[in-house]
C-alpha atoms as a PDB file:
ATOM      1  CA  ASP A   1       3.283 -33.155  20.923  1.00  0.00           C
ATOM      2  CA  GLU A   2       4.892 -30.337  22.570  1.00  0.00           C
ATOM      3  CA  ILE A   3       8.457 -30.267  22.069  1.00  0.00           C
ATOM      4  CA  ILE A   4      11.077 -28.715  24.736  1.00  0.00           C
ATOM      5  CA  TYR A   5      13.952 -29.855  23.304  1.00  0.00           C
ATOM      6  CA  ILE A   6      15.327 -31.921  19.979  1.00  0.00           C
ATOM      7  CA  ASN A   7      18.717 -32.509  18.563  1.00  0.00           C
ATOM      8  CA  PRO A   8      18.441 -33.516  15.248  1.00  0.00           C
ATOM      9  CA  ILE A   9      21.936 -34.955  14.874  1.00  0.00           C
ATOM     10  CA  LYS A  10      21.782 -37.227  17.652  1.00  0.00           C
ATOM     11  CA  GLY A  11      17.760 -37.863  17.333  1.00  0.00           C
ATOM     12  CA  TYR A  12      17.101 -36.835  20.963  1.00  0.00           C
ATOM     13  CA  LYS A  13      13.934 -35.627  21.568  1.00  0.00           C
ATOM     14  CA  ILE A  14      12.123 -34.249  24.878  1.00  0.00           C
ATOM     15  CA  THR A  15       8.348 -33.598  24.686  1.00  0.00           C
ATOM     16  CA  ARG A  16       5.950 -32.180  27.547  1.00  0.00           C
ATOM     17  CA  PHE A  17       4.509 -34.815  29.878  1.00  0.00           C
ATOM     18  CA  TYR A  18       1.012 -34.342  30.121  1.00  0.00           C
ATOM     19  CA  ASP A  19      -0.450 -35.730  33.699  1.00  0.00           C
ATOM     20  CA  GLY A  20      -3.750 -38.204  33.692  1.00  0.00           C
ATOM     21  CA  VAL A  21      -4.041 -38.474  30.248  1.00  0.00           C
ATOM     22  CA  GLU A  22      -5.730 -41.455  28.323  1.00  0.00           C
ATOM     23  CA  THR A  23      -5.380 -42.759  25.005  1.00  0.00           C
ATOM     24  CA  LEU A  24      -8.193 -42.133  22.338  1.00  0.00           C
ATOM     25  CA  ASP A  25     -10.924 -44.111  22.551  1.00  0.00           C
ATOM     26  CA  ASP A  26     -11.522 -45.604  18.892  1.00  0.00           C
ATOM     27  CA  GLU A  27     -15.471 -46.609  19.421  1.00  0.00           C
ATOM     28  CA  ASN A  28     -15.998 -42.535  20.618  1.00  0.00           C
ATOM     29  CA  ILE A  29     -16.998 -40.758  17.702  1.00  0.00           C
ATOM     30  CA  GLU A  30     -16.299 -37.380  18.657  1.00  0.00           C
ATOM     31  CA  GLN A  31     -12.170 -38.405  19.637  1.00  0.00           C
ATOM     32  CA  VAL A  32     -11.802 -39.868  16.247  1.00  0.00           C
ATOM     33  CA  LYS A  33     -12.862 -36.838  14.521  1.00  0.00           C
ATOM     34  CA  LYS A  34     -10.807 -34.787  16.409  1.00  0.00           C
ATOM     35  CA  ALA A  35      -7.966 -37.468  15.622  1.00  0.00           C
ATOM     36  CA  MET A  36      -9.154 -37.236  11.752  1.00  0.00           C
ATOM     37  CA  GLN A  37      -8.651 -33.509  12.155  1.00  0.00           C
ATOM     38  CA  ILE A  38      -5.141 -33.746  13.149  1.00  0.00           C
ATOM     39  CA  LEU A  39      -4.105 -36.037  10.591  1.00  0.00           C
ATOM     40  CA  ARG A  40      -6.039 -33.660   7.781  1.00  0.00           C
ATOM     41  CA  ASP A  41      -3.950 -30.658   9.424  1.00  0.00           C
ATOM     42  CA  LEU A  42      -0.590 -32.627   9.416  1.00  0.00           C
ATOM     43  CA  HIS A  43      -1.041 -33.673   5.531  1.00  0.00           C
ATOM     44  CA  GLU A  44      -2.307 -30.143   4.235  1.00  0.00           C
ATOM     45  CA  ALA A  45      -0.071 -28.375   6.103  1.00  0.00           C
ATOM     46  CA  ASN A  46       2.389 -29.574   2.886  1.00  0.00           C
ATOM     47  CA  ILE A  47       5.657 -30.079   4.866  1.00  0.00           C
ATOM     48  CA  GLN A  48       8.144 -31.586   2.469  1.00  0.00           C
ATOM     49  CA  VAL A  49      10.999 -34.217   3.898  1.00  0.00           C
ATOM     50  CA  LYS A  50      13.273 -36.089   2.063  1.00  0.00           C
ATOM     51  CA  HIS A  51      12.585 -39.591   4.150  1.00  0.00           C
ATOM     52  CA  HIS A  52       9.724 -41.455   2.300  1.00  0.00           C
ATOM     53  CA  PHE A  53       7.883 -44.203   3.918  1.00  0.00           C
ATOM     54  CA  ASP A  54       7.376 -46.423   0.893  1.00  0.00           C
ATOM     55  CA  LEU A  55       5.055 -49.565   1.413  1.00  0.00           C
ATOM     56  CA  GLU A  56       6.727 -51.417  -1.472  1.00  0.00           C
ATOM     57  CA  THR A  57      10.282 -51.160  -0.013  1.00  0.00           C
ATOM     58  CA  GLU A  58       9.258 -51.787   3.354  1.00  0.00           C
ATOM     59  CA  ILE A  59       7.261 -55.442   2.368  1.00  0.00           C
ATOM     60  CA  LYS A  60      10.238 -56.665   0.427  1.00  0.00           C
ATOM     61  CA  THR A  61      12.232 -55.766   3.286  1.00  0.00           C
ATOM     62  CA  TYR A  62      10.213 -57.936   5.514  1.00  0.00           C
ATOM     63  CA  LEU A  63       9.895 -60.680   2.850  1.00  0.00           C
ATOM     64  CA  ASN A  64      13.580 -61.087   2.508  1.00  0.00           C
ATOM     65  CA  ILE A  65      14.018 -61.070   6.417  1.00  0.00           C
ATOM     66  CA  CYS A  66      11.419 -63.761   6.412  1.00  0.00           C
ATOM     67  CA  GLU A  67      12.889 -65.833   3.918  1.00  0.00           C
ATOM     68  CA  GLN A  68      16.121 -65.481   5.423  1.00  0.00           C
ATOM     69  CA  GLU A  69      14.696 -66.949   8.804  1.00  0.00           C
ATOM     70  CA  ASN A  70      12.812 -69.504   6.865  1.00  0.00           C
ATOM     71  CA  ILE A  71       9.651 -68.297   8.308  1.00  0.00           C
ATOM     72  CA  THR A  72       6.358 -70.227   7.966  1.00  0.00           C
ATOM     73  CA  TYR A  73       4.263 -68.307   6.628  1.00  0.00           C
ATOM     74  CA  TYR A  74       0.232 -68.111   7.243  1.00  0.00           C
ATOM     75  CA  PRO A  75      -1.737 -69.871   5.016  1.00  0.00           C
ATOM     76  CA  HIS A  76      -2.775 -68.556   1.686  1.00  0.00           C
ATOM     77  CA  HIS A  77       0.517 -66.704   1.658  1.00  0.00           C
ATOM     78  CA  ASP A  78       1.513 -67.341  -1.794  1.00  0.00           C
ATOM     79  CA  LYS A  79      -1.671 -66.853  -3.174  1.00  0.00           C
ATOM     80  CA  LEU A  80      -2.277 -63.487  -1.796  1.00  0.00           C
ATOM     81  CA  ILE A  81       1.364 -62.209  -3.344  1.00  0.00           C
ATOM     82  CA  PRO A  82       0.338 -61.684  -6.908  1.00  0.00           C
ATOM     83  CA  LYS A  83      -2.683 -59.842  -5.636  1.00  0.00           C
ATOM     84  CA  ILE A  84      -0.207 -57.637  -3.373  1.00  0.00           C
ATOM     85  CA  GLU A  85       1.708 -57.160  -6.336  1.00  0.00           C
ATOM     86  CA  LYS A  86      -1.005 -55.643  -8.265  1.00  0.00           C
ATOM     87  CA  LEU A  87      -1.791 -53.355  -5.698  1.00  0.00           C
ATOM     88  CA  LEU A  88       1.354 -52.093  -4.831  1.00  0.00           C
ATOM     89  CA  LYS A  89       1.327 -51.370  -8.907  1.00  0.00           C
ATOM     90  CA  TYR A  90      -2.352 -49.559  -8.605  1.00  0.00           C
ATOM     91  CA  THR A  91      -1.820 -47.617  -5.641  1.00  0.00           C
ATOM     92  CA  GLN A  92       1.359 -46.039  -7.270  1.00  0.00           C
ATOM     93  CA  GLN A  93      -0.266 -45.182 -10.268  1.00  0.00           C
ATOM     94  CA  HIS A  94      -3.314 -43.733  -8.615  1.00  0.00           C
ATOM     95  CA  ALA A  95      -1.706 -42.369  -5.423  1.00  0.00           C
ATOM     96  CA  ASN A  96      -2.434 -39.077  -3.858  1.00  0.00           C
ATOM     97  CA  LYS A  97      -0.062 -36.424  -3.811  1.00  0.00           C
ATOM     98  CA  LEU A  98       2.603 -37.450  -1.116  1.00  0.00           C
ATOM     99  CA  ARG A  99       2.629 -35.493   1.917  1.00  0.00           C
ATOM    100  CA  LEU A 100       4.525 -36.020   5.406  1.00  0.00           C
ATOM    101  CA  CYS A 101       2.414 -38.633   6.932  1.00  0.00           C
ATOM    102  CA  HIS A 102       2.883 -39.891  10.749  1.00  0.00           C
ATOM    103  CA  ILE A 103       2.494 -43.713   9.872  1.00  0.00           C
ATOM    104  CA  ASP A 104       2.097 -44.918  13.217  1.00  0.00           C
ATOM    105  CA  SER A 105      -1.036 -43.148  13.585  1.00  0.00           C
ATOM    106  CA  VAL A 106      -2.856 -45.704  15.331  1.00  0.00           C
ATOM    107  CA  LYS A 107      -4.829 -44.980  18.451  1.00  0.00           C
ATOM    108  CA  ASP A 108      -2.656 -45.366  21.430  1.00  0.00           C
ATOM    109  CA  ASN A 109      -0.151 -42.559  19.684  1.00  0.00           C
ATOM    110  CA  PHE A 110      -3.286 -40.243  20.382  1.00  0.00           C
ATOM    111  CA  LEU A 111      -2.935 -38.950  23.730  1.00  0.00           C
ATOM    112  CA  VAL A 112      -6.582 -37.314  24.850  1.00  0.00           C
ATOM    113  CA  LEU A 113      -6.062 -34.682  27.937  1.00  0.00           C
ATOM    114  CA  LYS A 114      -7.889 -33.365  30.745  1.00  0.00           C
ATOM    115  CA  ASP A 115      -9.379 -30.283  28.477  1.00  0.00           C
ATOM    116  CA  GLU A 116     -10.404 -33.240  26.055  1.00  0.00           C
ATOM    117  CA  SER A 117      -7.756 -31.850  23.401  1.00  0.00           C
ATOM    118  CA  ILE A 118      -5.781 -34.706  21.562  1.00  0.00           C
ATOM    119  CA  ARG A 119      -1.768 -34.677  21.182  1.00  0.00           C
ATOM    120  CA  LEU A 120      -0.346 -37.269  18.173  1.00  0.00           C
ATOM    121  CA  ILE A 121       2.955 -38.614  19.637  1.00  0.00           C
ATOM    122  CA  ASP A 122       5.693 -41.196  18.728  1.00  0.00           C
ATOM    123  CA  TRP A 123       6.679 -39.957  15.257  1.00  0.00           C
ATOM    124  CA  GLU A 124       9.777 -42.572  14.293  1.00  0.00           C
ATOM    125  CA  TYR A 125       8.258 -44.031  11.277  1.00  0.00           C
ATOM    126  CA  ALA A 126       7.177 -40.377  10.001  1.00  0.00           C
ATOM    127  CA  GLY A 127       7.971 -39.809   6.393  1.00  0.00           C
ATOM    128  CA  MET A 128       6.537 -38.639   3.079  1.00  0.00           C
ATOM    129  CA  ALA A 129       3.996 -40.947   1.867  1.00  0.00           C
ATOM    130  CA  ASP A 130      -0.044 -41.085   0.368  1.00  0.00           C
ATOM    131  CA  PRO A 131      -2.629 -39.481   3.294  1.00  0.00           C
ATOM    132  CA  TYR A 132      -4.753 -42.214   2.997  1.00  0.00           C
ATOM    133  CA  LEU A 133      -2.162 -44.788   4.454  1.00  0.00           C
ATOM    134  CA  ASP A 134      -2.394 -42.821   7.555  1.00  0.00           C
ATOM    135  CA  ILE A 135      -6.492 -43.465   7.765  1.00  0.00           C
ATOM    136  CA  ALA A 136      -5.374 -47.103   6.665  1.00  0.00           C
ATOM    137  CA  MET A 137      -3.028 -47.589   9.908  1.00  0.00           C
ATOM    138  CA  PHE A 138      -5.568 -46.174  12.366  1.00  0.00           C
ATOM    139  CA  ALA A 139      -8.174 -48.751  11.006  1.00  0.00           C
ATOM    140  CA  ILE A 140      -6.631 -52.030  10.817  1.00  0.00           C
ATOM    141  CA  TYR A 141      -4.794 -51.210  14.262  1.00  0.00           C
ATOM    142  CA  SER A 142      -8.263 -51.012  15.670  1.00  0.00           C
ATOM    143  CA  TYR A 143      -9.789 -53.880  14.310  1.00  0.00           C
ATOM    144  CA  TYR A 144     -12.540 -51.702  12.263  1.00  0.00           C
ATOM    145  CA  ASN A 145     -14.951 -53.320  10.270  1.00  0.00           C
ATOM    146  CA  LYS A 146     -16.127 -52.649   6.997  1.00  0.00           C
ATOM    147  CA  ASP A 147     -18.795 -50.297   8.192  1.00  0.00           C
ATOM    148  CA  GLU A 148     -16.465 -48.436  10.667  1.00  0.00           C
ATOM    149  CA  LEU A 149     -13.795 -48.169   7.655  1.00  0.00           C
ATOM    150  CA  ASP A 150     -15.795 -46.473   5.540  1.00  0.00           C
ATOM    151  CA  LEU A 151     -17.220 -44.217   8.362  1.00  0.00           C
ATOM    152  CA  LEU A 152     -13.524 -43.326   9.186  1.00  0.00           C
ATOM    153  CA  LEU A 153     -12.890 -42.483   5.596  1.00  0.00           C
ATOM    154  CA  GLU A 154     -15.585 -40.064   5.669  1.00  0.00           C
ATOM    155  CA  LEU A 155     -14.479 -38.473   8.511  1.00  0.00           C
ATOM    156  CA  TYR A 156     -11.261 -38.010   7.001  1.00  0.00           C
ATOM    157  CA  LEU A 157     -12.692 -36.558   3.858  1.00  0.00           C
ATOM    158  CA  ASP A 158     -15.636 -34.426   5.191  1.00  0.00           C
ATOM    159  CA  ARG A 159     -17.451 -35.622   1.893  1.00  0.00           C
ATOM    160  CA  LYS A 160     -18.740 -38.959   0.812  1.00  0.00           C
ATOM    161  CA  PRO A 161     -15.803 -41.169  -0.540  1.00  0.00           C
ATOM    162  CA  SER A 162     -15.464 -41.678  -4.252  1.00  0.00           C
ATOM    163  CA  LYS A 163     -14.581 -44.952  -6.340  1.00  0.00           C
ATOM    164  CA  LYS A 164     -10.834 -44.052  -6.348  1.00  0.00           C
ATOM    165  CA  ASP A 165     -11.280 -43.061  -2.452  1.00  0.00           C
ATOM    166  CA  PHE A 166     -12.369 -46.523  -1.661  1.00  0.00           C
ATOM    167  CA  ALA A 167     -10.101 -48.254  -4.031  1.00  0.00           C
ATOM    168  CA  LEU A 168      -6.690 -46.380  -2.832  1.00  0.00           C
ATOM    169  CA  PHE A 169      -7.770 -46.631   1.133  1.00  0.00           C
ATOM    170  CA  TYR A 170      -8.666 -50.504   0.767  1.00  0.00           C
ATOM    171  CA  GLY A 171      -5.652 -51.022  -1.262  1.00  0.00           C
ATOM    172  CA  TYR A 172      -3.586 -49.688   1.347  1.00  0.00           C
ATOM    173  CA  ILE A 173      -5.469 -51.591   4.413  1.00  0.00           C
ATOM    174  CA  SER A 174      -4.956 -54.715   2.424  1.00  0.00           C
ATOM    175  CA  LEU A 175      -0.616 -53.748   1.940  1.00  0.00           C
ATOM    176  CA  ALA A 176      -0.398 -52.234   5.078  1.00  0.00           C
ATOM    177  CA  GLY A 177      -2.242 -55.552   7.090  1.00  0.00           C
ATOM    178  CA  PHE A 178       0.517 -57.418   4.762  1.00  0.00           C
ATOM    179  CA  LEU A 179       3.051 -55.820   5.789  1.00  0.00           C
ATOM    180  CA  TRP A 180       2.662 -56.132   9.538  1.00  0.00           C
ATOM    181  CA  SER A 181       1.699 -59.612   9.274  1.00  0.00           C
ATOM    182  CA  LEU A 182       5.035 -59.925   8.038  1.00  0.00           C
ATOM    183  CA  TRP A 183       6.393 -58.002  10.775  1.00  0.00           C
ATOM    184  CA  THR A 184       4.788 -59.923  13.622  1.00  0.00           C
ATOM    185  CA  GLN A 185       5.464 -63.522  11.988  1.00  0.00           C
ATOM    186  CA  TYR A 186       9.291 -62.196  11.970  1.00  0.00           C
ATOM    187  CA  LYS A 187       9.042 -60.903  15.602  1.00  0.00           C
ATOM    188  CA  GLU A 188       7.106 -64.229  16.894  1.00  0.00           C
ATOM    189  CA  SER A 189       9.928 -66.372  15.297  1.00  0.00           C
ATOM    190  CA  LEU A 190      12.538 -64.310  17.937  1.00  0.00           C
ATOM    191  CA  GLY A 191       9.868 -65.756  20.653  1.00  0.00           C
ATOM    192  CA  GLU A 192       7.636 -62.410  20.965  1.00  0.00           C
ATOM    193  CA  TYR A 193       4.061 -63.225  21.351  1.00  0.00           C
ATOM    194  CA  TYR A 194       1.251 -60.368  19.748  1.00  0.00           C
ATOM    195  CA  GLY A 195      -1.661 -62.621  19.942  1.00  0.00           C
ATOM    196  CA  GLU A 196      -4.379 -62.256  17.300  1.00  0.00           C
ATOM    197  CA  TYR A 197      -2.391 -59.139  15.875  1.00  0.00           C
ATOM    198  CA  GLY A 198      -0.767 -60.921  13.075  1.00  0.00           C
ATOM    199  CA  PRO A 199      -3.442 -63.217  11.921  1.00  0.00           C
ATOM    200  CA  LYS A 200      -5.844 -60.013  11.984  1.00  0.00           C
ATOM    201  CA  GLN A 201      -3.355 -58.280   9.908  1.00  0.00           C
ATOM    202  CA  PHE A 202      -3.030 -61.100   7.488  1.00  0.00           C
ATOM    203  CA  GLU A 203      -6.979 -61.451   7.148  1.00  0.00           C
ATOM    204  CA  TYR A 204      -7.382 -57.310   6.253  1.00  0.00           C
ATOM    205  CA  ALA A 205      -4.532 -58.221   3.534  1.00  0.00           C
ATOM    206  CA  GLN A 206      -6.476 -60.968   2.298  1.00  0.00           C
ATOM    207  CA  VAL A 207     -10.308 -59.564   2.420  1.00  0.00           C
ATOM    208  CA  TYR A 208      -9.345 -55.943   0.970  1.00  0.00           C
ATOM    209  CA  SER A 209      -7.010 -57.192  -1.475  1.00  0.00           C
ATOM    210  CA  ASP A 210      -9.711 -58.532  -3.438  1.00  0.00           C
ATOM    211  CA  LEU A 211     -12.305 -55.558  -2.505  1.00  0.00           C
ATOM    212  CA  ALA A 212      -9.036 -53.037  -3.704  1.00  0.00           C
ATOM    213  CA  LEU A 213      -8.800 -54.993  -6.954  1.00  0.00           C
ATOM    214  CA  ASN A 214     -12.002 -54.810  -7.703  1.00  0.00           C
ATOM    215  CA  TYR A 215     -12.433 -51.038  -7.436  1.00  0.00           C
ATOM    216  CA  PHE A 216      -9.207 -50.372  -9.321  1.00  0.00           C
ATOM    217  CA  GLU A 217     -10.690 -52.740 -12.073  1.00  0.00           C
ATOM    218  CA  GLU A 218     -13.663 -50.704 -12.385  1.00  0.00           C
ATOM    219  CA  LEU A 219     -11.743 -47.373 -12.781  1.00  0.00           C
ATOM    220  CA  ALA A 220      -9.978 -48.834 -15.287  1.00  0.00           C
ATOM    221  CA  ASN A 221     -12.767 -50.204 -17.383  1.00  0.00           C
ATOM    222  CA  SER A 222     -14.335 -46.362 -16.805  1.00  0.00           C
ATOM    223  CA  GLU A 223     -11.443 -44.698 -18.029  1.00  0.00           C
ATOM    224  CA  HIS A 224     -11.944 -46.928 -21.689  1.00  0.00           C
END
Protein backbone atom coordinates (compact mmCIF):
# COMPACT_ATOMS: atom_id res chain seq x y z
CA ASP A 1 0.00 0.00 0.00
CA GLU A 2 1.15 3.57 -0.68
CA ILE A 3 2.03 5.30 2.60
CA ILE A 4 1.15 9.00 2.89
CA TYR A 5 2.21 9.43 6.53
CA ILE A 6 3.54 7.21 9.27
CA ASN A 7 4.47 7.89 12.89
CA PRO A 8 6.82 5.15 14.11
CA ILE A 9 6.48 6.28 17.73
CA LYS A 10 2.70 6.17 18.06
CA GLY A 11 2.06 3.74 15.24
CA TYR A 12 -0.25 6.02 13.27
CA LYS A 13 -0.31 5.31 9.54
CA ILE A 14 -2.22 6.95 6.72
CA THR A 15 -2.28 5.23 3.35
CA ARG A 16 -3.71 6.18 0.02
CA PHE A 17 -7.40 5.45 -0.53
CA TYR A 18 -8.02 3.52 -3.74
CA ASP A 19 -11.46 4.08 -5.23
CA GLY A 20 -13.41 1.22 -6.81
CA VAL A 21 -11.19 -1.61 -5.63
CA GLU A 22 -12.11 -5.23 -5.06
CA THR A 23 -10.47 -7.82 -2.87
CA LEU A 24 -8.54 -10.59 -4.55
CA ASP A 25 -10.48 -13.48 -6.09
CA ASP A 26 -8.70 -16.59 -4.81
CA GLU A 27 -10.18 -18.63 -7.68
CA ASN A 28 -8.66 -16.31 -10.29
CA ILE A 29 -5.34 -17.90 -11.12
CA GLU A 30 -3.86 -14.74 -12.64
CA GLN A 31 -4.67 -12.70 -9.53
CA VAL A 32 -3.26 -15.42 -7.30
CA LYS A 33 -0.04 -15.45 -9.36
CA LYS A 34 0.30 -11.69 -8.83
CA ALA A 35 -0.30 -12.10 -5.11
CA MET A 36 2.40 -14.77 -4.86
CA GLN A 37 4.79 -12.50 -6.78
CA ILE A 38 4.12 -9.70 -4.28
CA LEU A 39 4.91 -12.02 -1.39
CA ARG A 40 8.01 -13.36 -3.14
CA ASP A 41 9.24 -9.79 -3.77
CA LEU A 42 8.67 -8.97 -0.10
CA HIS A 43 10.60 -12.02 1.06
CA GLU A 44 13.45 -11.55 -1.40
CA ALA A 45 13.88 -7.88 -0.42
CA ASN A 46 15.72 -9.29 2.62
CA ILE A 47 14.38 -6.59 4.95
CA GLN A 48 15.42 -7.16 8.57
CA VAL A 49 13.31 -6.09 11.55
CA LYS A 50 13.64 -6.83 15.25
CA HIS A 51 10.16 -8.27 15.69
CA HIS A 52 9.52 -11.97 15.06
CA PHE A 53 6.26 -13.79 14.53
CA ASP A 54 6.99 -17.03 16.36
CA LEU A 55 4.40 -19.78 15.97
CA GLU A 56 5.45 -21.63 19.11
CA THR A 57 5.10 -18.48 21.23
CA GLU A 58 1.73 -17.61 19.68
CA ILE A 59 0.36 -21.14 20.14
CA LYS A 60 1.51 -21.33 23.76
CA THR A 61 0.00 -17.91 24.43
CA TYR A 62 -3.43 -18.94 23.18
CA LEU A 63 -3.24 -22.33 24.87
CA ASN A 64 -2.64 -20.52 28.16
CA ILE A 65 -5.50 -18.11 27.51
CA CYS A 66 -7.85 -20.98 26.66
CA GLU A 67 -6.82 -22.84 29.81
CA GLN A 68 -7.43 -19.76 31.95
CA GLU A 69 -10.87 -19.30 30.40
CA ASN A 70 -11.72 -23.03 30.74
CA ILE A 71 -12.43 -23.33 27.03
CA THR A 72 -14.05 -26.56 25.84
CA TYR A 73 -11.77 -27.61 23.02
CA TYR A 74 -12.80 -29.21 19.76
CA PRO A 75 -12.91 -33.05 19.83
CA HIS A 76 -9.50 -34.79 19.50
CA HIS A 77 -7.62 -31.71 20.76
CA ASP A 78 -5.53 -33.79 23.20
CA LYS A 79 -4.54 -36.29 20.49
CA LEU A 80 -3.35 -33.46 18.26
CA ILE A 81 -1.08 -31.79 20.83
CA PRO A 82 1.85 -34.30 20.54
CA LYS A 83 1.80 -33.89 16.75
CA ILE A 84 1.84 -30.10 17.08
CA GLU A 85 4.82 -30.33 19.43
CA LYS A 86 6.70 -32.50 16.92
CA LEU A 87 5.89 -30.13 14.07
CA LEU A 88 7.14 -27.14 16.03
CA LYS A 89 10.44 -28.94 16.50
CA TYR A 90 10.73 -30.15 12.90
CA THR A 91 9.81 -26.83 11.30
CA GLN A 92 12.36 -25.04 13.46
CA GLN A 93 15.05 -27.57 12.49
CA HIS A 94 14.33 -27.34 8.75
CA ALA A 95 13.15 -23.72 8.46
CA ASN A 96 14.09 -21.51 5.56
CA LYS A 97 16.04 -18.34 6.27
CA LEU A 98 13.81 -15.96 8.20
CA ARG A 99 12.52 -13.02 6.19
CA LEU A 100 10.12 -10.17 6.78
CA CYS A 101 6.69 -11.73 6.32
CA HIS A 102 3.23 -10.18 6.20
CA ILE A 103 1.68 -13.05 8.25
CA ASP A 104 -1.93 -11.92 7.62
CA SER A 105 -1.51 -12.56 3.90
CA VAL A 106 -5.13 -13.54 3.27
CA LYS A 107 -7.09 -12.75 0.11
CA ASP A 108 -8.99 -9.89 1.81
CA ASN A 109 -5.73 -7.98 2.32
CA PHE A 110 -4.87 -7.98 -1.38
CA LEU A 111 -6.68 -5.10 -3.09
CA VAL A 112 -7.18 -5.33 -6.85
CA LEU A 113 -7.16 -1.83 -8.38
CA LYS A 114 -8.98 -0.70 -11.52
CA ASP A 115 -5.81 -1.15 -13.58
CA GLU A 116 -5.63 -4.76 -12.24
CA SER A 117 -2.51 -4.06 -10.20
CA ILE A 118 -2.58 -5.34 -6.62
CA ARG A 119 -1.74 -3.70 -3.29
CA LEU A 120 -1.09 -5.55 -0.03
CA ILE A 121 -2.53 -3.89 3.09
CA ASP A 122 -2.93 -4.51 6.85
CA TRP A 123 0.58 -5.09 8.20
CA GLU A 124 -0.12 -5.32 11.94
CA TYR A 125 1.11 -8.94 12.28
CA ALA A 126 4.23 -8.48 10.13
CA GLY A 127 7.50 -9.84 11.46
CA MET A 128 10.43 -12.12 10.76
CA ALA A 129 9.34 -15.66 9.91
CA ASP A 130 9.76 -18.47 7.40
CA PRO A 131 8.36 -17.21 4.06
CA TYR A 132 6.37 -20.43 3.61
CA LEU A 133 4.21 -19.32 6.54
CA ASP A 134 2.86 -16.45 4.43
CA ILE A 135 1.82 -18.93 1.75
CA ALA A 136 0.18 -21.19 4.33
CA MET A 137 -1.80 -18.27 5.77
CA PHE A 138 -3.13 -17.38 2.33
CA ALA A 139 -4.12 -20.99 1.68
CA ILE A 140 -5.98 -21.85 4.87
CA TYR A 141 -8.03 -18.65 4.86
CA SER A 142 -9.17 -19.50 1.34
CA TYR A 143 -10.14 -23.04 2.42
CA TYR A 144 -8.01 -24.51 -0.37
CA ASN A 145 -8.08 -28.28 -0.89
CA LYS A 146 -4.86 -30.27 -1.28
CA ASP A 147 -4.61 -29.84 -5.06
CA GLU A 148 -5.08 -26.08 -4.68
CA LEU A 149 -2.52 -25.98 -1.86
CA ASP A 150 0.06 -27.79 -3.97
CA LEU A 151 -0.53 -25.49 -6.93
CA LEU A 152 -0.23 -22.42 -4.70
CA LEU A 153 3.17 -23.54 -3.42
CA GLU A 154 4.32 -24.20 -6.97
CA LEU A 155 3.15 -20.74 -8.08
CA TYR A 156 5.08 -19.14 -5.24
CA LEU A 157 8.25 -21.15 -5.85
CA ASP A 158 7.96 -20.99 -9.65
CA ARG A 159 9.16 -24.60 -9.75
CA LYS A 160 8.10 -28.07 -8.65
CA PRO A 161 8.23 -28.34 -4.84
CA SER A 162 10.62 -30.81 -3.19
CA LYS A 163 9.87 -33.11 -0.24
CA LYS A 164 11.36 -30.53 2.10
CA ASP A 165 9.16 -27.82 0.55
CA PHE A 166 6.05 -29.92 1.13
CA ALA A 167 7.13 -30.90 4.64
CA LEU A 168 7.56 -27.27 5.71
CA PHE A 169 4.49 -26.00 3.85
CA TYR A 170 2.17 -28.68 5.26
CA GLY A 171 3.75 -28.21 8.68
CA TYR A 172 2.95 -24.50 8.66
CA ILE A 173 -0.57 -25.19 7.40
CA SER A 174 -1.13 -27.48 10.38
CA LEU A 175 0.46 -25.14 12.92
CA ALA A 176 -1.30 -22.04 11.60
CA GLY A 177 -4.60 -23.90 11.46
CA PHE A 178 -4.14 -24.94 15.08
CA LEU A 179 -3.25 -21.40 16.16
CA TRP A 180 -6.31 -19.83 14.52
CA SER A 181 -8.58 -22.60 15.84
CA LEU A 182 -7.44 -21.67 19.36
CA TRP A 183 -7.97 -17.98 18.59
CA THR A 184 -11.48 -18.73 17.33
CA GLN A 185 -12.42 -20.85 20.33
CA TYR A 186 -11.30 -18.06 22.65
CA LYS A 187 -13.15 -15.37 20.70
CA GLU A 188 -16.33 -17.43 20.62
CA SER A 189 -16.13 -17.85 24.40
CA LEU A 190 -16.51 -14.06 24.51
CA GLY A 191 -19.72 -14.22 22.51
CA GLU A 192 -18.35 -13.64 19.01
CA TYR A 193 -19.23 -16.10 16.25
CA TYR A 194 -17.12 -17.17 13.28
CA GLY A 195 -19.19 -19.93 11.70
CA GLU A 196 -17.18 -22.74 10.15
CA TYR A 197 -13.87 -20.89 10.38
CA GLY A 198 -12.67 -22.43 13.65
CA PRO A 199 -13.58 -26.06 12.86
CA LYS A 200 -12.11 -25.68 9.38
CA GLN A 201 -8.80 -24.42 10.79
CA PHE A 202 -8.75 -27.30 13.26
CA GLU A 203 -9.35 -29.71 10.37
CA TYR A 204 -6.29 -28.27 8.60
CA ALA A 205 -4.32 -28.83 11.81
CA GLN A 206 -5.41 -32.46 12.00
CA VAL A 207 -5.09 -33.50 8.36
CA TYR A 208 -1.87 -31.72 7.50
CA SER A 209 -0.08 -32.64 10.72
CA ASP A 210 -0.04 -36.24 9.51
CA LEU A 211 1.02 -35.30 5.97
CA ALA A 212 3.80 -33.03 7.24
CA LEU A 213 5.10 -35.56 9.76
CA ASN A 214 5.23 -38.23 7.06
CA TYR A 215 7.35 -35.96 4.87
CA PHE A 216 9.64 -35.01 7.74
CA GLU A 217 10.14 -38.69 8.60
CA GLU A 218 11.00 -39.43 4.97
CA LEU A 219 13.55 -36.62 5.05
CA ALA A 220 15.07 -37.99 8.26
CA ASN A 221 15.33 -41.49 6.80
CA SER A 222 16.98 -40.21 3.62
CA GLU A 223 19.62 -38.42 5.68
CA HIS A 224 20.74 -41.65 7.37
